Protein backbone atom coordinates (compact mmCIF):
# COMPACT_ATOMS: atom_id res chain seq x y z
CA UNK A 1 74.96 120.34 112.39
CA UNK A 2 77.32 117.53 113.37
CA UNK A 3 77.03 116.02 109.87
CA UNK A 4 78.14 119.31 108.34
CA UNK A 5 81.13 119.50 110.67
CA UNK A 6 82.12 115.92 109.86
CA UNK A 7 81.81 116.60 106.11
CA UNK A 8 83.86 119.78 106.42
CA UNK A 9 86.59 117.97 108.33
CA UNK A 10 86.65 115.32 105.59
CA UNK A 11 87.13 118.05 102.98
CA UNK A 12 89.95 119.58 105.01
CA UNK A 13 91.63 116.18 105.30
CA UNK A 14 91.33 115.75 101.52
CA UNK A 15 93.17 119.01 100.94
CA UNK A 16 95.80 117.93 103.44
CA UNK A 17 96.24 114.68 101.50
CA UNK A 18 96.88 116.73 98.37
CA UNK A 19 99.54 118.60 100.33
CA UNK A 20 101.38 115.31 100.82
CA UNK A 21 102.08 115.29 97.10
CA UNK A 22 103.86 118.64 97.42
CA UNK A 23 105.98 117.30 100.28
CA UNK A 24 107.06 114.30 98.22
CA UNK A 25 107.60 116.15 94.93
CA UNK A 26 108.43 119.69 96.07
CA UNK A 27 111.23 121.18 94.02
CA UNK A 28 112.74 123.09 96.95
CA UNK A 29 112.99 122.75 100.69
CA UNK A 30 110.86 125.85 101.18
CA UNK A 31 108.04 124.26 99.15
CA UNK A 32 108.23 121.19 101.32
CA UNK A 33 108.13 123.27 104.49
CA UNK A 34 105.09 125.19 103.27
CA UNK A 35 103.37 121.88 102.54
CA UNK A 36 104.27 120.68 106.03
CA UNK A 37 102.71 123.86 107.41
CA UNK A 38 99.60 123.02 105.37
CA UNK A 39 99.57 119.60 107.00
CA UNK A 40 99.84 121.17 110.43
CA UNK A 41 97.17 123.79 109.80
CA UNK A 42 94.84 121.34 108.10
CA UNK A 43 95.31 118.80 110.85
CA UNK A 44 94.54 121.42 113.46
CA UNK A 45 91.44 122.53 111.57
CA UNK A 46 90.24 118.95 111.16
CA UNK A 47 90.78 118.21 114.84
CA UNK A 48 88.92 121.36 115.85
CA UNK A 49 86.00 120.46 113.58
CA UNK A 50 85.90 116.87 114.80
CA UNK A 51 86.15 117.98 118.43
CA UNK A 52 83.27 120.42 117.98
CA UNK A 53 81.16 117.81 116.16
CA UNK A 54 81.76 115.09 118.74
CA UNK A 55 81.73 117.45 121.72
CA UNK A 56 85.07 116.20 123.06
CA UNK A 57 87.08 118.94 124.72
CA UNK A 58 90.30 116.89 124.85
CA UNK A 59 90.52 116.95 121.05
CA UNK A 60 90.42 120.74 121.10
CA UNK A 61 93.27 120.79 123.64
CA UNK A 62 95.24 118.41 121.43
CA UNK A 63 94.78 120.65 118.40
CA UNK A 64 96.05 123.68 120.30
CA UNK A 65 99.12 121.69 121.34
CA UNK A 66 99.73 120.77 117.71
CA UNK A 67 99.46 124.45 116.78
CA UNK A 68 102.32 125.23 119.16
CA UNK A 69 104.43 122.41 117.73
CA UNK A 70 103.81 123.64 114.17
CA UNK A 71 104.97 127.13 115.13
CA UNK A 72 108.17 125.75 116.68
CA UNK A 73 108.81 123.63 113.59
CA UNK A 74 108.58 126.71 111.40
CA UNK A 75 111.02 128.62 113.56
CA UNK A 76 113.45 125.69 113.54
CA UNK A 77 113.25 125.44 109.75
CA UNK A 78 113.93 129.15 109.28
CA UNK A 79 116.88 128.97 111.66
CA UNK A 80 118.25 125.93 109.84
CA UNK A 81 117.71 127.45 106.39
CA UNK A 82 119.45 130.70 107.36
CA UNK A 83 122.60 128.87 108.51
CA UNK A 84 125.04 128.13 105.67
CA UNK A 85 126.27 124.58 105.28
CA UNK A 86 129.80 123.73 106.39
CA UNK A 87 132.40 124.70 103.87
CA UNK A 88 130.11 127.10 102.02
CA UNK A 89 130.71 130.83 102.09
CA UNK A 90 127.88 133.26 102.57
CA UNK A 91 127.03 135.58 99.68
CA UNK A 92 128.09 138.69 101.61
CA UNK A 93 131.42 137.07 102.63
CA UNK A 94 132.46 136.49 99.00
CA UNK A 95 132.76 140.19 98.20
């Protein structure tokens, strides 16, 4: 069973590596943020699989901590994206 969990975590890490391409080449900031969320979710999944395969409870705690950080990063991005840049007018202010 441990071999299956290790193989599954390797597959998850491969998909996360493909997400790095989207971060580097994403056409918009939202695409890059979604790819960063993929990195966070994939990293959490890989850590959970590796922790279960190795039987190390500290890795599971670490993955849950990373899940909290990923949620805060998403909230910070949305707050930053909703704020207009200095000198730019909002669309509803122009009317």
